[in-house]
């Protein structure tokens, strides 16, 4: 379980996260929706320790993320993260990109790393692109390569930070299909997303963020069908 307790985050005088309380259980898919600048992505960065926090705590399976005694690099092996930009190594093939982290971080053999990479590339539908360089891949394929790279570390949780926002509209579907596949396989996922159809259809729960506050959280049918917060109602009216 990921437990977020009274989390506060500031950037200077800007109060970006204002007392967030949220639990995510094993096997759950949580989508976080809201306008740009509402703190959604910052929350993901706090969960995996990329951002410091000023108050509260984040606990992953009993380990306090921001405790000075926590081995953050070891913890991040359990928290796969996919960013808006795919950030592949351009001089490495798809196979080499995915095999790199298991080889360096997990110290597995070259052959084992290659086997893991092949498995995960096939998993995301890139089994025919093993020896292709990122520049020869479409944006959707590059984002699926990024997902394979995260999966190669065998994480227990996947954090998606607007994984489709940098893609052309016709490429969004192939990435969402990959995320749907992971959800069907039981992967625990927190997805910051602007894709309302995905949030409605795939999530166990949806959380709406507004100006650093989690206005409400609940099943998709409640958030999309009968939102309680005025801010949620206005947001959904606009995106529809």
C-alpha atoms as a PDB file:
ATOM      1  CA  UNK A   1       0.000   0.000   0.000  1.00  0.00           C
ATOM      2  CA  UNK A   2       1.008   3.595  -0.650  1.00  0.00           C
ATOM      3  CA  UNK A   3      -0.084   5.858   2.199  1.00  0.00           C
ATOM      4  CA  UNK A   4      -0.034   9.647   1.879  1.00  0.00           C
ATOM      5  CA  UNK A   5      -0.684  11.464   5.139  1.00  0.00           C
ATOM      6  CA  UNK A   6      -1.286  15.207   5.475  1.00  0.00           C
ATOM      7  CA  UNK A   7       1.198  15.945   2.686  1.00  0.00           C
ATOM      8  CA  UNK A   8       2.252  19.567   2.205  1.00  0.00           C
ATOM      9  CA  UNK A   9       4.590  20.756  -0.536  1.00  0.00           C
ATOM     10  CA  UNK A  10       5.789  24.305  -1.165  1.00  0.00           C
ATOM     11  CA  UNK A  11       7.757  25.857  -4.004  1.00  0.00           C
ATOM     12  CA  UNK A  12       8.886  29.021  -2.266  1.00  0.00           C
ATOM     13  CA  UNK A  13       5.710  30.792  -1.143  1.00  0.00           C
ATOM     14  CA  UNK A  14       3.545  28.683  -3.464  1.00  0.00           C
ATOM     15  CA  UNK A  15       1.609  26.029  -1.512  1.00  0.00           C
ATOM     16  CA  UNK A  16       1.426  23.318  -4.192  1.00  0.00           C
ATOM     17  CA  UNK A  17       0.007  20.435  -2.126  1.00  0.00           C
ATOM     18  CA  UNK A  18      -2.212  21.354   0.795  1.00  0.00           C
ATOM     19  CA  UNK A  19      -2.666  18.482   3.209  1.00  0.00           C
ATOM     20  CA  UNK A  20      -3.210  15.508   0.887  1.00  0.00           C
ATOM     21  CA  UNK A  21      -4.531  12.320   2.523  1.00  0.00           C
ATOM     22  CA  UNK A  22      -4.706   9.334   0.183  1.00  0.00           C
ATOM     23  CA  UNK A  23      -4.172   5.569   0.263  1.00  0.00           C
ATOM     24  CA  UNK A  24      -3.611   3.341  -2.773  1.00  0.00           C
ATOM     25  CA  UNK A  25      -4.008  -0.405  -2.257  1.00  0.00           C
ATOM     26  CA  UNK A  26      -2.203  -3.227  -4.059  1.00  0.00           C
ATOM     27  CA  UNK A  27      -3.822  -3.958  -7.409  1.00  0.00           C
ATOM     28  CA  UNK A  28      -5.721  -0.667  -7.491  1.00  0.00           C
ATOM     29  CA  UNK A  29      -5.770   1.774 -10.418  1.00  0.00           C
ATOM     30  CA  UNK A  30      -6.116   5.381  -9.267  1.00  0.00           C
ATOM     31  CA  UNK A  31      -6.448   8.162 -11.827  1.00  0.00           C
ATOM     32  CA  UNK A  32      -5.769  11.746 -10.799  1.00  0.00           C
ATOM     33  CA  UNK A  33      -7.490  14.436 -12.846  1.00  0.00           C
ATOM     34  CA  UNK A  34      -7.586  18.230 -12.655  1.00  0.00           C
ATOM     35  CA  UNK A  35      -6.392  21.376 -14.374  1.00  0.00           C
ATOM     36  CA  UNK A  36      -2.722  22.036 -15.099  1.00  0.00           C
ATOM     37  CA  UNK A  37      -0.954  23.412 -12.025  1.00  0.00           C
ATOM     38  CA  UNK A  38      -3.265  21.686  -9.547  1.00  0.00           C
ATOM     39  CA  UNK A  39      -0.439  19.619  -7.985  1.00  0.00           C
ATOM     40  CA  UNK A  40      -1.122  16.269  -9.668  1.00  0.00           C
ATOM     41  CA  UNK A  41       2.343  15.659 -11.112  1.00  0.00           C
ATOM     42  CA  UNK A  42       4.041  17.071  -8.019  1.00  0.00           C
ATOM     43  CA  UNK A  43       2.291  14.399  -5.961  1.00  0.00           C
ATOM     44  CA  UNK A  44       3.888  11.651  -8.084  1.00  0.00           C
ATOM     45  CA  UNK A  45       7.304  13.266  -7.693  1.00  0.00           C
ATOM     46  CA  UNK A  46       6.812  13.309  -3.902  1.00  0.00           C
ATOM     47  CA  UNK A  47       5.763   9.648  -3.882  1.00  0.00           C
ATOM     48  CA  UNK A  48       9.015   8.472  -5.447  1.00  0.00           C
ATOM     49  CA  UNK A  49      11.221  10.975  -3.634  1.00  0.00           C
ATOM     50  CA  UNK A  50      12.091  13.198  -6.606  1.00  0.00           C
ATOM     51  CA  UNK A  51      10.685  16.145  -4.632  1.00  0.00           C
ATOM     52  CA  UNK A  52      11.242  16.925  -0.971  1.00  0.00           C
ATOM     53  CA  UNK A  53       8.208  17.607   1.213  1.00  0.00           C
ATOM     54  CA  UNK A  54       7.707  20.159   3.965  1.00  0.00           C
ATOM     55  CA  UNK A  55       5.111  18.377   6.085  1.00  0.00           C
ATOM     56  CA  UNK A  56       3.371  15.011   6.323  1.00  0.00           C
ATOM     57  CA  UNK A  57       4.676  11.690   5.049  1.00  0.00           C
ATOM     58  CA  UNK A  58       4.576   9.210   2.186  1.00  0.00           C
ATOM     59  CA  UNK A  59       4.831   5.527   3.145  1.00  0.00           C
ATOM     60  CA  UNK A  60       5.332   2.728   0.608  1.00  0.00           C
ATOM     61  CA  UNK A  61       4.785  -0.763   2.048  1.00  0.00           C
ATOM     62  CA  UNK A  62       5.844   0.458   5.467  1.00  0.00           C
ATOM     63  CA  UNK A  63       8.902   2.404   4.264  1.00  0.00           C
ATOM     64  CA  UNK A  64       8.803   6.166   4.834  1.00  0.00           C
ATOM     65  CA  UNK A  65       9.976   7.700   1.558  1.00  0.00           C
ATOM     66  CA  UNK A  66      11.456  10.936   2.933  1.00  0.00           C
ATOM     67  CA  UNK A  67      13.149   9.449   6.002  1.00  0.00           C
ATOM     68  CA  UNK A  68      16.893  10.166   5.839  1.00  0.00           C
ATOM     69  CA  UNK A  69      17.563   6.491   6.649  1.00  0.00           C
ATOM     70  CA  UNK A  70      15.611   5.255   3.593  1.00  0.00           C
ATOM     71  CA  UNK A  71      17.647   3.903   0.684  1.00  0.00           C
ATOM     72  CA  UNK A  72      15.756   5.916  -1.932  1.00  0.00           C
ATOM     73  CA  UNK A  73      17.422   4.217  -4.916  1.00  0.00           C
ATOM     74  CA  UNK A  74      16.388   0.800  -3.632  1.00  0.00           C
ATOM     75  CA  UNK A  75      12.860   2.058  -2.969  1.00  0.00           C
ATOM     76  CA  UNK A  76      12.569   3.504  -6.492  1.00  0.00           C
ATOM     77  CA  UNK A  77      13.151   0.036  -7.933  1.00  0.00           C
ATOM     78  CA  UNK A  78       9.664  -0.741  -6.644  1.00  0.00           C
ATOM     79  CA  UNK A  79       8.158   2.462  -8.069  1.00  0.00           C
ATOM     80  CA  UNK A  80       8.274   2.463 -11.860  1.00  0.00           C
ATOM     81  CA  UNK A  81       7.699   5.931 -13.309  1.00  0.00           C
ATOM     82  CA  UNK A  82       6.757   7.011 -16.810  1.00  0.00           C
ATOM     83  CA  UNK A  83       7.116  10.709 -17.600  1.00  0.00           C
ATOM     84  CA  UNK A  84       5.525  12.966 -20.243  1.00  0.00           C
ATOM     85  CA  UNK A  85       8.772  12.869 -22.232  1.00  0.00           C
ATOM     86  CA  UNK A  86      10.175   9.412 -22.883  1.00  0.00           C
ATOM     87  CA  UNK A  87      13.876  10.323 -22.452  1.00  0.00           C
ATOM     88  CA  UNK A  88      15.356   7.323 -24.267  1.00  0.00           C
ATOM     89  CA  UNK A  89      19.092   7.062 -24.866  1.00  0.00           C
ATOM     90  CA  UNK A  90      19.335   7.899 -28.600  1.00  0.00           C
ATOM     91  CA  UNK A  91      22.599   5.985 -29.133  1.00  0.00           C
ATOM     92  CA  UNK A  92      21.135   2.714 -27.785  1.00  0.00           C
ATOM     93  CA  UNK A  93      18.693   0.350 -29.499  1.00  0.00           C
ATOM     94  CA  UNK A  94      15.306  -0.366 -27.927  1.00  0.00           C
ATOM     95  CA  UNK A  95      16.706  -3.587 -26.474  1.00  0.00           C
ATOM     96  CA  UNK A  96      19.783  -1.839 -25.062  1.00  0.00           C
ATOM     97  CA  UNK A  97      17.639   0.955 -23.571  1.00  0.00           C
ATOM     98  CA  UNK A  98      15.481  -1.517 -21.658  1.00  0.00           C
ATOM     99  CA  UNK A  99      18.371  -3.818 -20.612  1.00  0.00           C
ATOM    100  CA  UNK A 100      20.471  -0.987 -19.184  1.00  0.00           C
ATOM    101  CA  UNK A 101      18.843  -0.508 -15.769  1.00  0.00           C
ATOM    102  CA  UNK A 102      18.596  -4.213 -14.823  1.00  0.00           C
ATOM    103  CA  UNK A 103      22.271  -4.598 -15.740  1.00  0.00           C
ATOM    104  CA  UNK A 104      23.533  -1.503 -13.886  1.00  0.00           C
ATOM    105  CA  UNK A 105      21.104  -1.202 -10.972  1.00  0.00           C
ATOM    106  CA  UNK A 106      20.116  -4.814 -10.316  1.00  0.00           C
ATOM    107  CA  UNK A 107      23.515  -6.206 -11.357  1.00  0.00           C
ATOM    108  CA  UNK A 108      22.033  -8.997 -13.462  1.00  0.00           C
ATOM    109  CA  UNK A 109      24.147 -10.631 -16.175  1.00  0.00           C
ATOM    110  CA  UNK A 110      24.203  -9.265 -19.717  1.00  0.00           C
ATOM    111  CA  UNK A 111      22.271 -12.297 -21.022  1.00  0.00           C
ATOM    112  CA  UNK A 112      19.672 -12.041 -18.261  1.00  0.00           C
ATOM    113  CA  UNK A 113      19.242  -8.298 -18.867  1.00  0.00           C
ATOM    114  CA  UNK A 114      18.752  -8.995 -22.572  1.00  0.00           C
ATOM    115  CA  UNK A 115      16.139 -11.655 -21.777  1.00  0.00           C
ATOM    116  CA  UNK A 116      14.254  -9.259 -19.465  1.00  0.00           C
ATOM    117  CA  UNK A 117      14.369  -6.532 -22.122  1.00  0.00           C
ATOM    118  CA  UNK A 118      13.055  -8.840 -24.857  1.00  0.00           C
ATOM    119  CA  UNK A 119      10.204  -9.980 -22.597  1.00  0.00           C
ATOM    120  CA  UNK A 120       9.132  -6.439 -21.690  1.00  0.00           C
ATOM    121  CA  UNK A 121       9.407  -5.104 -25.240  1.00  0.00           C
ATOM    122  CA  UNK A 122       7.171  -7.940 -26.412  1.00  0.00           C
ATOM    123  CA  UNK A 123       4.873  -7.169 -23.470  1.00  0.00           C
ATOM    124  CA  UNK A 124       4.266  -3.614 -24.763  1.00  0.00           C
ATOM    125  CA  UNK A 125       3.969  -4.659 -28.401  1.00  0.00           C
ATOM    126  CA  UNK A 126       7.497  -3.787 -29.538  1.00  0.00           C
ATOM    127  CA  UNK A 127       8.820  -7.306 -30.045  1.00  0.00           C
ATOM    128  CA  UNK A 128       9.666  -6.469 -33.662  1.00  0.00           C
ATOM    129  CA  UNK A 129      11.634  -3.324 -32.715  1.00  0.00           C
ATOM    130  CA  UNK A 130      14.419  -4.814 -30.573  1.00  0.00           C
ATOM    131  CA  UNK A 131      17.287  -3.523 -32.715  1.00  0.00           C
ATOM    132  CA  UNK A 132      15.677  -0.230 -33.712  1.00  0.00           C
ATOM    133  CA  UNK A 133      16.992   3.109 -32.409  1.00  0.00           C
ATOM    134  CA  UNK A 134      14.546   5.538 -30.734  1.00  0.00           C
ATOM    135  CA  UNK A 135      14.771   8.058 -33.582  1.00  0.00           C
ATOM    136  CA  UNK A 136      13.176   5.471 -35.902  1.00  0.00           C
ATOM    137  CA  UNK A 137      10.209   4.943 -33.542  1.00  0.00           C
ATOM    138  CA  UNK A 138       6.982   6.939 -33.489  1.00  0.00           C
ATOM    139  CA  UNK A 139       6.133   8.956 -30.382  1.00  0.00           C
ATOM    140  CA  UNK A 140       3.698   6.271 -29.234  1.00  0.00           C
ATOM    141  CA  UNK A 141       6.325   3.575 -29.712  1.00  0.00           C
ATOM    142  CA  UNK A 142       8.893   5.646 -27.802  1.00  0.00           C
ATOM    143  CA  UNK A 143       6.465   6.032 -24.907  1.00  0.00           C
ATOM    144  CA  UNK A 144       5.814   2.272 -24.932  1.00  0.00           C
ATOM    145  CA  UNK A 145       9.593   1.825 -24.887  1.00  0.00           C
ATOM    146  CA  UNK A 146       9.656   4.009 -21.756  1.00  0.00           C
ATOM    147  CA  UNK A 147       6.980   1.796 -20.178  1.00  0.00           C
ATOM    148  CA  UNK A 148       9.001  -1.334 -21.027  1.00  0.00           C
ATOM    149  CA  UNK A 149      12.076   0.275 -19.465  1.00  0.00           C
ATOM    150  CA  UNK A 150      10.177   0.912 -16.226  1.00  0.00           C
ATOM    151  CA  UNK A 151       8.723  -2.620 -16.211  1.00  0.00           C
ATOM    152  CA  UNK A 152      12.182  -4.144 -16.648  1.00  0.00           C
ATOM    153  CA  UNK A 153      12.911  -3.268 -13.015  1.00  0.00           C
ATOM    154  CA  UNK A 154       9.913  -5.410 -11.979  1.00  0.00           C
ATOM    155  CA  UNK A 155       8.258  -2.639  -9.957  1.00  0.00           C
ATOM    156  CA  UNK A 156       5.341  -3.228  -7.630  1.00  0.00           C
ATOM    157  CA  UNK A 157       3.800   0.129  -8.530  1.00  0.00           C
ATOM    158  CA  UNK A 158       3.652   2.175 -11.731  1.00  0.00           C
ATOM    159  CA  UNK A 159       3.352   5.963 -11.675  1.00  0.00           C
ATOM    160  CA  UNK A 160       2.256   7.590 -14.943  1.00  0.00           C
ATOM    161  CA  UNK A 161       2.721  11.342 -15.283  1.00  0.00           C
ATOM    162  CA  UNK A 162       0.486  12.372 -18.199  1.00  0.00           C
ATOM    163  CA  UNK A 163       2.054   9.660 -20.331  1.00  0.00           C
ATOM    164  CA  UNK A 164       0.080  10.655 -23.447  1.00  0.00           C
ATOM    165  CA  UNK A 165       0.192  14.460 -23.248  1.00  0.00           C
ATOM    166  CA  UNK A 166       3.223  14.847 -25.557  1.00  0.00           C
ATOM    167  CA  UNK A 167       1.774  12.577 -28.247  1.00  0.00           C
ATOM    168  CA  UNK A 168      -0.104  13.369 -31.431  1.00  0.00           C
ATOM    169  CA  UNK A 169      -3.799  12.401 -31.035  1.00  0.00           C
ATOM    170  CA  UNK A 170      -3.553   9.401 -33.368  1.00  0.00           C
ATOM    171  CA  UNK A 171      -0.781   7.872 -31.204  1.00  0.00           C
ATOM    172  CA  UNK A 172      -2.519   8.219 -27.834  1.00  0.00           C
ATOM    173  CA  UNK A 173      -4.587   5.033 -28.172  1.00  0.00           C
ATOM    174  CA  UNK A 174      -1.659   2.626 -28.435  1.00  0.00           C
ATOM    175  CA  UNK A 175      -0.158   3.921 -25.163  1.00  0.00           C
ATOM    176  CA  UNK A 176      -3.526   3.836 -23.369  1.00  0.00           C
ATOM    177  CA  UNK A 177      -4.022   0.254 -24.599  1.00  0.00           C
ATOM    178  CA  UNK A 178      -0.694  -0.701 -23.007  1.00  0.00           C
ATOM    179  CA  UNK A 179      -1.746   0.952 -19.741  1.00  0.00           C
ATOM    180  CA  UNK A 180      -5.086  -0.884 -19.898  1.00  0.00           C
ATOM    181  CA  UNK A 181      -3.216  -4.172 -20.335  1.00  0.00           C
ATOM    182  CA  UNK A 182      -1.156  -3.500 -17.197  1.00  0.00           C
ATOM    183  CA  UNK A 183      -4.315  -2.678 -15.257  1.00  0.00           C
ATOM    184  CA  UNK A 184      -5.939  -5.937 -16.410  1.00  0.00           C
ATOM    185  CA  UNK A 185      -2.838  -7.819 -15.238  1.00  0.00           C
ATOM    186  CA  UNK A 186      -3.285  -6.378 -11.744  1.00  0.00           C
ATOM    187  CA  UNK A 187      -0.501  -3.782 -11.700  1.00  0.00           C
ATOM    188  CA  UNK A 188      -0.985  -1.109  -9.030  1.00  0.00           C
ATOM    189  CA  UNK A 189      -1.081   2.187 -10.917  1.00  0.00           C
ATOM    190  CA  UNK A 190      -1.380   5.894 -10.160  1.00  0.00           C
ATOM    191  CA  UNK A 191      -2.121   7.738 -13.392  1.00  0.00           C
ATOM    192  CA  UNK A 192      -2.082  11.512 -13.694  1.00  0.00           C
ATOM    193  CA  UNK A 193      -4.081  11.910 -16.871  1.00  0.00           C
ATOM    194  CA  UNK A 194      -6.109  14.228 -19.091  1.00  0.00           C
ATOM    195  CA  UNK A 195      -7.727  11.216 -20.774  1.00  0.00           C
ATOM    196  CA  UNK A 196     -11.178  11.185 -19.189  1.00  0.00           C
ATOM    197  CA  UNK A 197     -12.297   8.052 -21.073  1.00  0.00           C
ATOM    198  CA  UNK A 198      -9.342   6.115 -19.675  1.00  0.00           C
ATOM    199  CA  UNK A 199      -9.944   7.449 -16.155  1.00  0.00           C
ATOM    200  CA  UNK A 200     -13.619   6.503 -16.348  1.00  0.00           C
ATOM    201  CA  UNK A 201     -13.198   3.052 -17.896  1.00  0.00           C
ATOM    202  CA  UNK A 202     -10.021   1.677 -16.279  1.00  0.00           C
ATOM    203  CA  UNK A 203      -9.791   3.238 -12.802  1.00  0.00           C
ATOM    204  CA  UNK A 204     -10.995   1.735  -9.558  1.00  0.00           C
ATOM    205  CA  UNK A 205     -11.032   5.263  -8.132  1.00  0.00           C
ATOM    206  CA  UNK A 206     -10.607   8.784  -9.513  1.00  0.00           C
ATOM    207  CA  UNK A 207      -9.276  11.761  -7.533  1.00  0.00           C
ATOM    208  CA  UNK A 208      -9.928  15.355  -8.591  1.00  0.00           C
ATOM    209  CA  UNK A 209      -7.304  17.960  -7.655  1.00  0.00           C
ATOM    210  CA  UNK A 210      -7.942  21.719  -7.610  1.00  0.00           C
ATOM    211  CA  UNK A 211      -5.251  24.250  -6.682  1.00  0.00           C
ATOM    212  CA  UNK A 212      -3.315  21.849  -4.452  1.00  0.00           C
ATOM    213  CA  UNK A 213      -6.357  20.364  -2.737  1.00  0.00           C
ATOM    214  CA  UNK A 214      -7.837  16.931  -3.344  1.00  0.00           C
ATOM    215  CA  UNK A 215     -11.450  18.051  -3.724  1.00  0.00           C
ATOM    216  CA  UNK A 216     -12.900  14.548  -3.892  1.00  0.00           C
ATOM    217  CA  UNK A 217     -12.041  10.939  -4.573  1.00  0.00           C
ATOM    218  CA  UNK A 218     -14.317   8.034  -5.379  1.00  0.00           C
ATOM    219  CA  UNK A 219     -15.386   5.426  -7.915  1.00  0.00           C
ATOM    220  CA  UNK A 220     -15.463   6.656 -11.537  1.00  0.00           C
ATOM    221  CA  UNK A 221     -19.247   6.396 -11.701  1.00  0.00           C
ATOM    222  CA  UNK A 222     -19.550   8.778  -8.754  1.00  0.00           C
ATOM    223  CA  UNK A 223     -16.898  11.280  -9.882  1.00  0.00           C
ATOM    224  CA  UNK A 224     -18.133  11.408 -13.486  1.00  0.00           C
ATOM    225  CA  UNK A 225     -21.825  10.779 -12.835  1.00  0.00           C
ATOM    226  CA  UNK A 226     -22.522  12.669  -9.620  1.00  0.00           C
ATOM    227  CA  UNK A 227     -19.534  14.845  -8.602  1.00  0.00           C
ATOM    228  CA  UNK A 228     -20.005  16.510  -5.223  1.00  0.00           C
ATOM    229  CA  UNK A 229     -17.563  19.417  -5.522  1.00  0.00           C
ATOM    230  CA  UNK A 230     -18.521  22.522  -7.496  1.00  0.00           C
ATOM    231  CA  UNK A 231     -14.945  22.650  -8.823  1.00  0.00           C
ATOM    232  CA  UNK A 232     -15.195  19.045 -10.061  1.00  0.00           C
ATOM    233  CA  UNK A 233     -18.515  19.800 -11.726  1.00  0.00           C
ATOM    234  CA  UNK A 234     -17.076  22.851 -13.528  1.00  0.00           C
ATOM    235  CA  UNK A 235     -13.933  20.984 -14.609  1.00  0.00           C
ATOM    236  CA  UNK A 236     -15.856  18.044 -16.058  1.00  0.00           C
ATOM    237  CA  UNK A 237     -18.326  20.357 -17.813  1.00  0.00           C
ATOM    238  CA  UNK A 238     -15.391  22.104 -19.496  1.00  0.00           C
ATOM    239  CA  UNK A 239     -13.498  18.963 -20.554  1.00  0.00           C
ATOM    240  CA  UNK A 240     -16.641  17.388 -21.953  1.00  0.00           C
END
